């Protein structure tokens, strides 16, 4: 009887050790994993996976994910490609019709995240708080796009995520031949389609 009780107590201890006593570091890792928002972008040149910075740019990430959930980006294009700078998309169809968007959002460029190679940021007009749906992926370290002040010129462009796989696809896109089309410059001569963007389930 004592032997059975001892074995039961030992089994319970092992179970508690495995399930109930994570270290602070393990808890932090688990928390970070649970909080990560990841999207998968399927393009005509391959797949790009992006991690979104929900803590650092909550308004921007929510806005982007709302467009994703609505299927807004499906069958849009990368309409502006500049090698050594960035690739921009999320606003035009393959017929180069501009898609209607929701209201502009607050610019969160002051989140101390730099426009480094592989990051994704919101495109906008010269008005700081004018971003809607269009985004760009930096293909170089573009720190001049960072938040440097409160004036429209210095406000910067909000980074809200980074490429975690598929940078080779980004590199393929940045190398495509471009020209002018429908009054726009730096347009890929062969369409680079964003087939879909889907949120990855945790």
N, C-alpha and C. Protein backbone atom coordinates (compact mmCIF):
# COMPACT_ATOMS: atom_id res chain seq x y z
N UNK A 1 0.83 -1.21 0.00
CA UNK A 1 0.00 0.00 0.00
C UNK A 1 0.86 1.26 0.00
N UNK A 2 1.88 1.26 0.89
CA UNK A 2 2.78 2.42 0.95
C UNK A 2 3.50 2.61 -0.39
N UNK A 3 3.86 1.48 -1.00
CA UNK A 3 4.55 1.54 -2.30
C UNK A 3 3.65 2.16 -3.36
N UNK A 4 2.38 1.79 -3.36
CA UNK A 4 1.44 2.34 -4.33
C UNK A 4 1.25 3.84 -4.11
N UNK A 5 1.14 4.24 -2.83
CA UNK A 5 0.99 5.67 -2.53
C UNK A 5 2.22 6.46 -2.96
N UNK A 6 3.39 5.87 -2.74
CA UNK A 6 4.63 6.53 -3.14
C UNK A 6 4.68 6.72 -4.66
N UNK A 7 4.29 5.68 -5.39
CA UNK A 7 4.31 5.76 -6.85
C UNK A 7 3.31 6.80 -7.35
N UNK A 8 2.14 6.86 -6.71
CA UNK A 8 1.13 7.84 -7.09
C UNK A 8 1.64 9.27 -6.85
N UNK A 9 2.27 9.45 -5.67
CA UNK A 9 2.81 10.78 -5.33
C UNK A 9 3.91 11.18 -6.30
N UNK A 10 4.75 10.21 -6.66
CA UNK A 10 5.84 10.48 -7.61
C UNK A 10 5.29 10.86 -8.97
N UNK A 11 4.26 10.12 -9.43
CA UNK A 11 3.65 10.41 -10.73
C UNK A 11 3.02 11.79 -10.73
N UNK A 12 2.36 12.14 -9.62
CA UNK A 12 1.74 13.46 -9.50
C UNK A 12 2.79 14.56 -9.52
N UNK A 13 3.91 14.32 -8.84
CA UNK A 13 5.01 15.30 -8.82
C UNK A 13 5.56 15.52 -10.22
N UNK A 14 5.76 14.43 -10.96
CA UNK A 14 6.29 14.54 -12.32
C UNK A 14 5.31 15.30 -13.21
N UNK A 15 4.01 14.99 -13.06
CA UNK A 15 2.99 15.67 -13.84
C UNK A 15 3.00 17.17 -13.56
N UNK A 16 3.07 17.53 -12.27
CA UNK A 16 3.11 18.95 -11.90
C UNK A 16 4.37 19.62 -12.41
N UNK A 17 5.49 18.90 -12.36
CA UNK A 17 6.75 19.46 -12.83
C UNK A 17 6.68 19.76 -14.32
N UNK A 18 6.04 18.86 -15.07
CA UNK A 18 5.97 19.03 -16.52
C UNK A 18 4.98 20.11 -16.92
N UNK A 19 3.88 20.24 -16.17
CA UNK A 19 2.80 21.11 -16.62
C UNK A 19 2.66 22.42 -15.86
N UNK A 20 3.11 22.45 -14.60
CA UNK A 20 2.74 23.59 -13.79
C UNK A 20 3.85 24.51 -13.34
N UNK A 21 5.11 24.21 -13.62
CA UNK A 21 6.18 25.00 -13.06
C UNK A 21 7.15 25.48 -14.13
N UNK A 22 6.64 26.27 -15.08
CA UNK A 22 7.51 26.85 -16.11
C UNK A 22 8.34 27.97 -15.49
N UNK A 23 9.56 28.11 -15.96
CA UNK A 23 10.43 29.20 -15.50
C UNK A 23 9.93 30.52 -16.07
N UNK A 24 10.33 31.66 -15.48
CA UNK A 24 9.93 32.96 -16.04
C UNK A 24 10.32 33.11 -17.51
N UNK A 25 11.49 32.60 -17.88
CA UNK A 25 11.94 32.68 -19.27
C UNK A 25 11.02 31.88 -20.19
N UNK A 26 10.63 30.69 -19.72
CA UNK A 26 9.72 29.85 -20.51
C UNK A 26 8.35 30.50 -20.65
N UNK A 27 7.88 31.10 -19.55
CA UNK A 27 6.59 31.78 -19.60
C UNK A 27 6.62 32.95 -20.58
N UNK A 28 7.73 33.68 -20.58
CA UNK A 28 7.87 34.82 -21.50
C UNK A 28 7.88 34.34 -22.94
N UNK A 29 8.59 33.23 -23.20
CA UNK A 29 8.64 32.67 -24.55
C UNK A 29 7.25 32.22 -24.99
N UNK A 30 6.53 31.55 -24.08
CA UNK A 30 5.17 31.10 -24.39
C UNK A 30 4.25 32.27 -24.67
N UNK A 31 4.41 33.33 -23.87
CA UNK A 31 3.58 34.53 -24.04
C UNK A 31 3.86 35.19 -25.39
N UNK A 32 5.14 35.30 -25.75
CA UNK A 32 5.52 35.91 -27.02
C UNK A 32 4.96 35.13 -28.19
N UNK A 33 5.05 33.78 -28.10
CA UNK A 33 4.53 32.94 -29.18
C UNK A 33 3.03 33.12 -29.33
N UNK A 34 2.34 33.20 -28.19
CA UNK A 34 0.88 33.33 -28.22
C UNK A 34 0.45 34.66 -28.80
N UNK A 35 1.27 35.70 -28.62
CA UNK A 35 0.89 37.04 -29.05
C UNK A 35 1.29 37.35 -30.48
N UNK A 36 2.03 36.48 -31.12
CA UNK A 36 2.50 36.77 -32.47
C UNK A 36 1.38 36.64 -33.48
N UNK A 37 1.26 37.65 -34.34
CA UNK A 37 0.36 37.58 -35.49
C UNK A 37 1.22 37.37 -36.73
N UNK A 38 0.94 36.31 -37.46
CA UNK A 38 1.70 35.99 -38.67
C UNK A 38 0.73 35.88 -39.84
N UNK A 39 1.10 36.48 -40.97
CA UNK A 39 0.30 36.35 -42.18
C UNK A 39 1.14 35.71 -43.28
N UNK A 40 0.45 35.02 -44.17
CA UNK A 40 1.10 34.37 -45.31
C UNK A 40 0.60 35.04 -46.58
N UNK A 41 1.53 35.61 -47.33
CA UNK A 41 1.22 36.28 -48.58
C UNK A 41 1.62 35.37 -49.74
N UNK A 42 0.62 34.95 -50.50
CA UNK A 42 0.89 34.15 -51.69
C UNK A 42 0.97 35.09 -52.88
N UNK A 43 2.10 35.07 -53.58
CA UNK A 43 2.27 35.91 -54.76
C UNK A 43 2.50 35.03 -55.98
N UNK A 44 2.46 35.65 -57.14
CA UNK A 44 2.69 34.90 -58.38
C UNK A 44 4.14 34.45 -58.50
N UNK A 45 5.02 34.93 -57.62
CA UNK A 45 6.42 34.52 -57.63
C UNK A 45 6.79 33.67 -56.40
N UNK A 46 5.82 33.40 -55.54
CA UNK A 46 6.11 32.57 -54.38
C UNK A 46 5.49 33.12 -53.10
N UNK A 47 5.83 32.48 -51.99
CA UNK A 47 5.22 32.79 -50.70
C UNK A 47 6.12 33.66 -49.83
N UNK A 48 5.50 34.65 -49.19
CA UNK A 48 6.19 35.52 -48.23
C UNK A 48 5.43 35.42 -46.91
N UNK A 49 6.15 35.13 -45.85
CA UNK A 49 5.53 35.05 -44.52
C UNK A 49 6.01 36.23 -43.68
N UNK A 50 5.06 36.90 -43.03
CA UNK A 50 5.38 38.10 -42.26
C UNK A 50 4.87 38.00 -40.84
N UNK A 51 5.72 38.40 -39.91
CA UNK A 51 5.32 38.54 -38.51
C UNK A 51 4.93 39.99 -38.28
N UNK A 52 3.78 40.21 -37.66
CA UNK A 52 3.28 41.57 -37.41
C UNK A 52 3.55 41.99 -35.97
N UNK A 53 3.87 43.27 -35.80
CA UNK A 53 4.23 43.81 -34.49
C UNK A 53 3.00 44.40 -33.80
N UNK A 54 2.18 43.54 -33.24
CA UNK A 54 0.91 43.97 -32.64
C UNK A 54 1.09 44.88 -31.44
N UNK A 55 2.14 44.65 -30.66
CA UNK A 55 2.38 45.47 -29.47
C UNK A 55 2.86 46.87 -29.85
N UNK A 56 3.78 46.92 -30.80
CA UNK A 56 4.42 48.19 -31.16
C UNK A 56 3.57 49.05 -32.09
N UNK A 57 2.70 48.42 -32.87
CA UNK A 57 1.86 49.17 -33.82
C UNK A 57 0.44 48.60 -33.81
N UNK A 58 -0.26 48.70 -32.68
CA UNK A 58 -1.57 48.05 -32.56
C UNK A 58 -2.64 48.55 -33.53
N UNK A 59 -2.67 49.86 -33.75
CA UNK A 59 -3.67 50.43 -34.66
C UNK A 59 -3.40 49.96 -36.09
N UNK A 60 -2.14 50.01 -36.47
CA UNK A 60 -1.74 49.64 -37.83
C UNK A 60 -1.98 48.16 -38.10
N UNK A 61 -1.59 47.32 -37.15
CA UNK A 61 -1.77 45.87 -37.33
C UNK A 61 -3.25 45.51 -37.39
N UNK A 62 -4.05 46.10 -36.53
CA UNK A 62 -5.50 45.82 -36.56
C UNK A 62 -6.09 46.24 -37.90
N UNK A 63 -5.71 47.40 -38.39
CA UNK A 63 -6.18 47.89 -39.68
C UNK A 63 -5.80 46.92 -40.79
N UNK A 64 -4.54 46.50 -40.80
CA UNK A 64 -4.04 45.58 -41.83
C UNK A 64 -4.79 44.24 -41.76
N UNK A 65 -4.95 43.71 -40.55
CA UNK A 65 -5.63 42.42 -40.40
C UNK A 65 -7.11 42.51 -40.75
N UNK A 66 -7.72 43.66 -40.54
CA UNK A 66 -9.12 43.86 -40.96
C UNK A 66 -9.23 43.75 -42.48
N UNK A 67 -8.28 44.37 -43.19
CA UNK A 67 -8.26 44.26 -44.65
C UNK A 67 -8.00 42.82 -45.08
N UNK A 68 -7.09 42.15 -44.37
CA UNK A 68 -6.78 40.75 -44.68
C UNK A 68 -8.03 39.89 -44.51
N UNK A 69 -8.73 40.05 -43.39
CA UNK A 69 -9.92 39.25 -43.10
C UNK A 69 -11.02 39.47 -44.13
N UNK A 70 -11.07 40.68 -44.68
CA UNK A 70 -12.09 41.01 -45.67
C UNK A 70 -11.72 40.54 -47.08
N UNK A 71 -10.50 40.00 -47.23
CA UNK A 71 -10.05 39.56 -48.55
C UNK A 71 -9.68 40.71 -49.48
N UNK A 72 -9.46 41.87 -48.88
CA UNK A 72 -9.19 43.08 -49.67
C UNK A 72 -7.96 42.92 -50.57
N UNK A 73 -6.92 42.29 -50.06
CA UNK A 73 -5.65 42.22 -50.79
C UNK A 73 -5.62 41.11 -51.85
N UNK A 74 -6.61 40.23 -51.81
CA UNK A 74 -6.61 39.12 -52.76
C UNK A 74 -6.71 39.64 -54.19
N UNK A 75 -5.79 39.19 -55.03
CA UNK A 75 -5.74 39.55 -56.46
C UNK A 75 -5.44 41.04 -56.68
N UNK A 76 -4.72 41.63 -55.73
CA UNK A 76 -4.13 42.94 -56.00
C UNK A 76 -2.71 42.72 -56.54
N UNK A 77 -1.95 43.78 -56.71
CA UNK A 77 -0.63 43.65 -57.33
C UNK A 77 0.42 44.47 -56.57
N UNK A 78 1.68 44.14 -56.84
CA UNK A 78 2.77 45.05 -56.50
C UNK A 78 2.88 46.02 -57.67
N UNK A 79 2.43 47.24 -57.46
CA UNK A 79 2.32 48.20 -58.56
C UNK A 79 3.52 49.14 -58.66
N UNK A 80 4.38 49.15 -57.64
CA UNK A 80 5.54 50.05 -57.65
C UNK A 80 6.73 49.29 -57.10
N UNK A 81 7.75 49.13 -57.92
CA UNK A 81 8.93 48.36 -57.54
C UNK A 81 10.19 49.16 -57.87
N UNK A 82 11.00 49.42 -56.85
CA UNK A 82 12.25 50.15 -57.05
C UNK A 82 13.37 49.35 -56.39
N UNK A 83 14.20 48.73 -57.21
CA UNK A 83 15.31 47.94 -56.69
C UNK A 83 16.24 48.84 -55.87
N UNK A 84 16.67 48.34 -54.73
CA UNK A 84 17.50 49.14 -53.85
C UNK A 84 16.72 50.04 -52.91
N UNK A 85 15.38 49.97 -53.00
CA UNK A 85 14.54 50.81 -52.15
C UNK A 85 13.40 49.99 -51.53
N UNK A 86 12.34 49.71 -52.31
CA UNK A 86 11.20 48.99 -51.74
C UNK A 86 10.30 48.44 -52.83
N UNK A 87 9.37 47.54 -52.42
CA UNK A 87 8.32 47.05 -53.31
C UNK A 87 6.99 47.40 -52.65
N UNK A 88 6.09 48.02 -53.42
CA UNK A 88 4.84 48.55 -52.86
C UNK A 88 3.63 47.88 -53.50
N UNK A 89 2.64 47.57 -52.67
CA UNK A 89 1.43 46.93 -53.20
C UNK A 89 0.23 47.14 -52.30
N UNK A 90 -0.84 46.40 -52.65
CA UNK A 90 -2.02 46.41 -51.81
C UNK A 90 -3.06 47.46 -52.14
N UNK A 91 -2.97 48.09 -53.32
CA UNK A 91 -3.92 49.14 -53.62
C UNK A 91 -4.60 49.05 -54.97
N UNK A 92 -4.00 48.28 -55.89
CA UNK A 92 -4.52 48.22 -57.26
C UNK A 92 -4.80 46.79 -57.70
N UNK A 93 -5.80 46.64 -58.56
CA UNK A 93 -6.09 45.34 -59.16
C UNK A 93 -5.16 45.12 -60.35
N UNK A 94 -5.26 43.92 -60.95
CA UNK A 94 -4.44 43.61 -62.12
C UNK A 94 -4.78 44.52 -63.31
N UNK A 95 -5.99 45.07 -63.31
CA UNK A 95 -6.40 46.00 -64.37
C UNK A 95 -6.01 47.44 -64.04
N UNK A 96 -5.28 47.60 -62.95
CA UNK A 96 -4.81 48.89 -62.46
C UNK A 96 -5.95 49.81 -62.03
N UNK A 97 -7.00 49.20 -61.52
CA UNK A 97 -8.07 49.96 -60.88
C UNK A 97 -7.72 50.09 -59.40
N UNK A 98 -7.80 51.32 -58.89
CA UNK A 98 -7.50 51.53 -57.48
C UNK A 98 -8.69 51.12 -56.63
N UNK A 99 -8.44 50.34 -55.58
CA UNK A 99 -9.51 49.83 -54.75
C UNK A 99 -9.94 50.86 -53.70
N UNK A 100 -11.25 50.96 -53.46
CA UNK A 100 -11.72 51.87 -52.41
C UNK A 100 -11.33 51.34 -51.03
N UNK A 101 -11.01 52.23 -50.13
CA UNK A 101 -10.52 51.84 -48.80
C UNK A 101 -11.38 52.43 -47.69
N UNK A 102 -11.05 52.02 -46.48
CA UNK A 102 -11.67 52.62 -45.30
C UNK A 102 -10.96 53.94 -44.98
N UNK A 103 -11.35 54.56 -43.89
CA UNK A 103 -10.76 55.83 -43.48
C UNK A 103 -9.29 55.66 -43.12
N UNK A 104 -8.49 56.71 -43.28
CA UNK A 104 -7.06 56.65 -42.90
C UNK A 104 -6.90 56.39 -41.40
N UNK A 105 -5.71 55.94 -41.04
CA UNK A 105 -5.42 55.61 -39.65
C UNK A 105 -4.32 56.49 -39.08
N UNK A 106 -4.19 56.42 -37.78
CA UNK A 106 -3.12 57.14 -37.07
C UNK A 106 -1.76 56.58 -37.47
N UNK A 107 -0.81 57.46 -37.67
CA UNK A 107 0.56 57.06 -38.00
C UNK A 107 1.32 56.72 -36.72
N UNK A 108 1.75 55.46 -36.62
CA UNK A 108 2.47 55.00 -35.43
C UNK A 108 3.98 54.88 -35.70
N UNK A 109 4.48 55.76 -36.56
CA UNK A 109 5.91 55.69 -36.92
C UNK A 109 6.83 55.95 -35.74
N UNK A 110 6.32 56.56 -34.69
CA UNK A 110 7.15 56.84 -33.52
C UNK A 110 7.32 55.65 -32.59
N UNK A 111 7.21 54.44 -33.13
CA UNK A 111 7.31 53.23 -32.29
C UNK A 111 8.74 52.71 -32.16
N UNK A 112 9.70 53.49 -32.66
CA UNK A 112 11.13 53.15 -32.54
C UNK A 112 11.54 51.90 -33.32
N UNK A 113 10.75 51.51 -34.32
CA UNK A 113 11.14 50.40 -35.19
C UNK A 113 11.57 50.99 -36.53
N UNK A 114 12.77 50.65 -36.95
CA UNK A 114 13.38 51.26 -38.13
C UNK A 114 12.95 50.56 -39.42
N UNK A 115 12.93 51.35 -40.50
CA UNK A 115 12.64 50.83 -41.83
C UNK A 115 13.86 50.11 -42.39
N UNK A 116 14.19 48.98 -41.80
CA UNK A 116 15.34 48.20 -42.24
C UNK A 116 14.92 47.16 -43.27
N UNK A 117 15.90 46.63 -43.96
CA UNK A 117 15.63 45.62 -44.99
C UNK A 117 14.79 44.48 -44.42
N UNK A 118 13.72 44.14 -45.15
CA UNK A 118 12.87 43.04 -44.73
C UNK A 118 11.68 43.43 -43.89
N UNK A 119 11.58 44.71 -43.51
CA UNK A 119 10.42 45.16 -42.74
C UNK A 119 9.30 45.59 -43.68
N UNK A 120 8.07 45.55 -43.16
CA UNK A 120 6.91 46.01 -43.90
C UNK A 120 6.37 47.26 -43.22
N UNK A 121 6.02 48.27 -44.01
CA UNK A 121 5.54 49.54 -43.48
C UNK A 121 4.35 50.02 -44.29
N UNK A 122 3.61 50.98 -43.73
CA UNK A 122 2.45 51.53 -44.42
C UNK A 122 2.86 52.64 -45.38
N UNK A 123 2.32 52.56 -46.59
CA UNK A 123 2.49 53.65 -47.56
C UNK A 123 1.47 54.74 -47.24
N UNK A 124 1.79 55.95 -47.64
CA UNK A 124 0.89 57.08 -47.37
C UNK A 124 1.21 58.22 -48.30
N UNK A 125 0.42 59.30 -48.22
CA UNK A 125 0.70 60.52 -48.96
C UNK A 125 1.63 61.40 -48.11
N UNK A 126 1.79 62.65 -48.49
CA UNK A 126 2.63 63.57 -47.71
C UNK A 126 2.01 63.93 -46.36
N UNK A 127 0.73 63.64 -46.19
CA UNK A 127 0.05 63.84 -44.91
C UNK A 127 0.37 62.65 -44.01
N UNK A 128 0.97 62.88 -42.83
CA UNK A 128 1.41 61.76 -41.98
C UNK A 128 0.33 60.74 -41.64
N UNK A 129 -0.88 61.21 -41.36
CA UNK A 129 -1.95 60.30 -40.94
C UNK A 129 -2.90 59.96 -42.09
N UNK A 130 -2.32 59.53 -43.21
CA UNK A 130 -3.12 59.27 -44.40
C UNK A 130 -3.08 57.82 -44.88
N UNK A 131 -2.39 56.95 -44.15
CA UNK A 131 -2.28 55.55 -44.58
C UNK A 131 -3.64 54.85 -44.51
N UNK A 132 -3.91 54.02 -45.51
CA UNK A 132 -5.15 53.24 -45.53
C UNK A 132 -4.83 51.75 -45.67
N UNK A 133 -4.57 51.31 -46.90
CA UNK A 133 -4.36 49.87 -47.14
C UNK A 133 -3.01 49.54 -47.77
N UNK A 134 -2.46 50.47 -48.54
CA UNK A 134 -1.21 50.16 -49.24
C UNK A 134 -0.04 50.03 -48.28
N UNK A 135 0.87 49.15 -48.63
CA UNK A 135 2.05 48.87 -47.81
C UNK A 135 3.27 48.72 -48.71
N UNK A 136 4.43 48.71 -48.09
CA UNK A 136 5.64 48.41 -48.85
C UNK A 136 6.58 47.58 -47.99
N UNK A 137 7.39 46.78 -48.67
CA UNK A 137 8.43 45.99 -48.00
C UNK A 137 9.77 46.60 -48.37
N UNK A 138 10.53 46.98 -47.37
CA UNK A 138 11.85 47.56 -47.60
C UNK A 138 12.82 46.49 -48.12
N UNK A 139 13.52 46.82 -49.20
CA UNK A 139 14.52 45.88 -49.73
C UNK A 139 15.93 46.40 -49.46
N UNK A 140 16.02 47.43 -48.65
CA UNK A 140 17.30 48.00 -48.19
C UNK A 140 17.03 48.66 -46.84
N UNK A 141 18.09 49.05 -46.15
CA UNK A 141 17.93 49.79 -44.90
C UNK A 141 17.59 51.24 -45.23
N UNK A 142 16.31 51.59 -45.10
CA UNK A 142 15.83 52.93 -45.46
C UNK A 142 15.54 53.75 -44.20
N UNK A 143 16.59 54.00 -43.43
CA UNK A 143 16.40 54.69 -42.15
C UNK A 143 15.91 56.13 -42.32
N UNK A 144 16.08 56.70 -43.51
CA UNK A 144 15.58 58.06 -43.75
C UNK A 144 14.05 58.10 -43.72
N UNK A 145 13.41 56.92 -43.78
CA UNK A 145 11.95 56.85 -43.69
C UNK A 145 11.45 56.75 -42.25
N UNK A 146 12.38 56.70 -41.30
CA UNK A 146 12.01 56.57 -39.89
C UNK A 146 11.45 57.88 -39.33
N UNK A 147 10.85 57.78 -38.16
CA UNK A 147 10.31 58.95 -37.46
C UNK A 147 11.47 59.77 -36.89
N UNK A 148 11.59 61.03 -37.39
CA UNK A 148 12.66 61.91 -36.92
C UNK A 148 12.13 63.20 -36.29
N UNK A 149 10.82 63.37 -36.28
CA UNK A 149 10.24 64.58 -35.72
C UNK A 149 8.75 64.63 -35.95
N UNK A 150 8.12 65.73 -35.52
CA UNK A 150 6.66 65.83 -35.59
C UNK A 150 6.15 66.57 -36.82
N UNK A 151 7.04 67.12 -37.64
CA UNK A 151 6.59 67.80 -38.85
C UNK A 151 6.23 66.76 -39.90
N UNK A 152 5.38 67.12 -40.87
CA UNK A 152 5.02 66.17 -41.93
C UNK A 152 6.24 65.59 -42.64
N UNK A 153 7.26 66.41 -42.82
CA UNK A 153 8.46 65.95 -43.52
C UNK A 153 9.24 64.91 -42.70
N UNK A 154 9.23 65.05 -41.39
CA UNK A 154 10.05 64.20 -40.52
C UNK A 154 9.29 63.08 -39.83
N UNK A 155 7.97 63.01 -40.03
CA UNK A 155 7.17 62.10 -39.22
C UNK A 155 7.47 60.63 -39.50
N UNK A 156 7.78 60.29 -40.73
CA UNK A 156 8.19 58.92 -41.04
C UNK A 156 7.06 57.99 -41.43
N UNK A 157 7.45 56.76 -41.71
CA UNK A 157 6.53 55.72 -42.17
C UNK A 157 6.52 54.57 -41.17
N UNK A 158 5.33 54.16 -40.77
CA UNK A 158 5.18 53.19 -39.69
C UNK A 158 5.53 51.76 -40.12
N UNK A 159 6.55 51.21 -39.47
CA UNK A 159 6.89 49.79 -39.63
C UNK A 159 5.98 48.98 -38.71
N UNK A 160 5.35 47.93 -39.26
CA UNK A 160 4.44 47.14 -38.44
C UNK A 160 4.67 45.63 -38.55
N UNK A 161 5.79 45.25 -39.15
CA UNK A 161 6.09 43.82 -39.24
C UNK A 161 7.39 43.58 -39.98
N UNK A 162 7.71 42.29 -40.15
CA UNK A 162 8.94 41.93 -40.85
C UNK A 162 8.76 40.58 -41.55
N UNK A 163 9.52 40.41 -42.61
CA UNK A 163 9.53 39.13 -43.33
C UNK A 163 10.27 38.11 -42.48
N UNK A 164 9.64 36.96 -42.25
CA UNK A 164 10.32 35.89 -41.50
C UNK A 164 10.65 34.70 -42.39
N UNK A 165 10.06 34.65 -43.57
CA UNK A 165 10.49 33.69 -44.59
C UNK A 165 9.99 34.19 -45.94
N UNK A 166 10.73 33.85 -46.99
CA UNK A 166 10.35 34.30 -48.32
C UNK A 166 11.07 35.55 -48.78
N UNK A 167 12.18 35.89 -48.12
CA UNK A 167 12.93 37.07 -48.57
C UNK A 167 13.50 36.83 -49.97
N UNK A 168 13.69 35.58 -50.34
CA UNK A 168 14.13 35.27 -51.71
C UNK A 168 13.06 35.66 -52.72
N UNK A 169 11.79 35.55 -52.32
CA UNK A 169 10.69 35.98 -53.20
C UNK A 169 10.68 37.50 -53.31
N UNK A 170 10.89 38.18 -52.19
CA UNK A 170 10.99 39.65 -52.20
C UNK A 170 12.11 40.07 -53.15
N UNK A 171 13.23 39.37 -53.10
CA UNK A 171 14.36 39.69 -53.98
C UNK A 171 14.02 39.48 -55.45
N UNK A 172 13.23 38.44 -55.73
CA UNK A 172 12.78 38.23 -57.11
C UNK A 172 11.93 39.39 -57.59
N UNK A 173 11.03 39.84 -56.71
CA UNK A 173 10.13 40.94 -57.08
C UNK A 173 10.91 42.22 -57.32
N UNK A 174 11.88 42.52 -56.46
CA UNK A 174 12.62 43.79 -56.60
C UNK A 174 13.44 43.84 -57.88
N UNK A 175 13.73 42.66 -58.47
CA UNK A 175 14.57 42.61 -59.66
C UNK A 175 13.78 42.62 -60.97
N UNK A 176 12.45 42.66 -60.90
CA UNK A 176 11.67 42.63 -62.14
C UNK A 176 11.88 43.92 -62.93
N UNK A 177 11.70 43.82 -64.23
CA UNK A 177 11.82 45.00 -65.09
C UNK A 177 10.59 45.87 -64.92
N UNK A 178 10.81 47.17 -64.91
CA UNK A 178 9.71 48.11 -64.68
C UNK A 178 9.67 49.17 -65.78
N UNK A 179 8.54 49.87 -65.82
CA UNK A 179 8.36 50.95 -66.78
C UNK A 179 7.21 51.83 -66.33
N UNK A 180 6.65 52.58 -67.25
CA UNK A 180 5.52 53.47 -66.94
C UNK A 180 4.22 52.86 -67.47
N UNK A 181 3.16 53.06 -66.71
CA UNK A 181 1.85 52.55 -67.13
C UNK A 181 0.75 53.37 -66.46
N UNK A 182 -0.20 53.80 -67.27
CA UNK A 182 -1.38 54.53 -66.76
C UNK A 182 -1.00 55.71 -65.88
N UNK A 183 0.06 56.41 -66.26
CA UNK A 183 0.48 57.58 -65.51
C UNK A 183 1.31 57.28 -64.28
N UNK A 184 1.65 56.02 -64.06
CA UNK A 184 2.45 55.62 -62.91
C UNK A 184 3.83 55.15 -63.36
N UNK A 185 4.84 55.45 -62.55
CA UNK A 185 6.19 54.99 -62.83
C UNK A 185 6.55 53.78 -62.00
N UNK A 186 7.65 53.12 -62.38
CA UNK A 186 8.19 51.97 -61.63
C UNK A 186 7.20 50.80 -61.54
N UNK A 187 6.39 50.64 -62.59
CA UNK A 187 5.40 49.56 -62.63
C UNK A 187 6.03 48.31 -63.26
N UNK A 188 5.93 47.15 -62.62
CA UNK A 188 6.46 45.93 -63.22
C UNK A 188 5.88 45.68 -64.61
N UNK A 189 6.75 45.35 -65.57
CA UNK A 189 6.28 45.09 -66.93
C UNK A 189 5.49 43.79 -67.00
N UNK A 190 5.84 42.85 -66.15
CA UNK A 190 5.04 41.63 -66.01
C UNK A 190 4.39 41.67 -64.63
N UNK A 191 3.08 41.51 -64.61
CA UNK A 191 2.32 41.66 -63.36
C UNK A 191 2.83 40.74 -62.25
N UNK A 192 3.05 41.33 -61.09
CA UNK A 192 3.37 40.55 -59.89
C UNK A 192 2.12 40.59 -59.01
N UNK A 193 1.39 39.49 -59.01
CA UNK A 193 0.10 39.44 -58.32
C UNK A 193 0.24 39.01 -56.86
N UNK A 194 -0.53 39.67 -56.01
CA UNK A 194 -0.73 39.19 -54.64
C UNK A 194 -1.98 38.33 -54.70
N UNK A 195 -1.79 37.03 -54.77
CA UNK A 195 -2.93 36.12 -54.93
C UNK A 195 -3.82 36.16 -53.70
N UNK A 196 -3.19 36.15 -52.54
CA UNK A 196 -3.96 36.22 -51.29
C UNK A 196 -3.04 36.57 -50.13
N UNK A 197 -3.64 37.10 -49.08
CA UNK A 197 -2.95 37.25 -47.78
C UNK A 197 -3.89 36.66 -46.74
N UNK A 198 -3.38 35.70 -45.99
CA UNK A 198 -4.19 35.03 -44.97
C UNK A 198 -3.46 35.06 -43.63
N UNK A 199 -4.22 35.22 -42.56
CA UNK A 199 -3.63 35.14 -41.23
C UNK A 199 -3.38 33.68 -40.87
N UNK A 200 -2.18 33.41 -40.38
CA UNK A 200 -1.84 32.05 -39.97
C UNK A 200 -2.47 31.77 -38.61
N UNK A 201 -3.10 30.61 -38.49
CA UNK A 201 -3.74 30.25 -37.23
C UNK A 201 -2.70 29.75 -36.24
N UNK A 202 -2.77 30.22 -34.99
CA UNK A 202 -1.82 29.80 -33.95
C UNK A 202 -2.08 28.34 -33.55
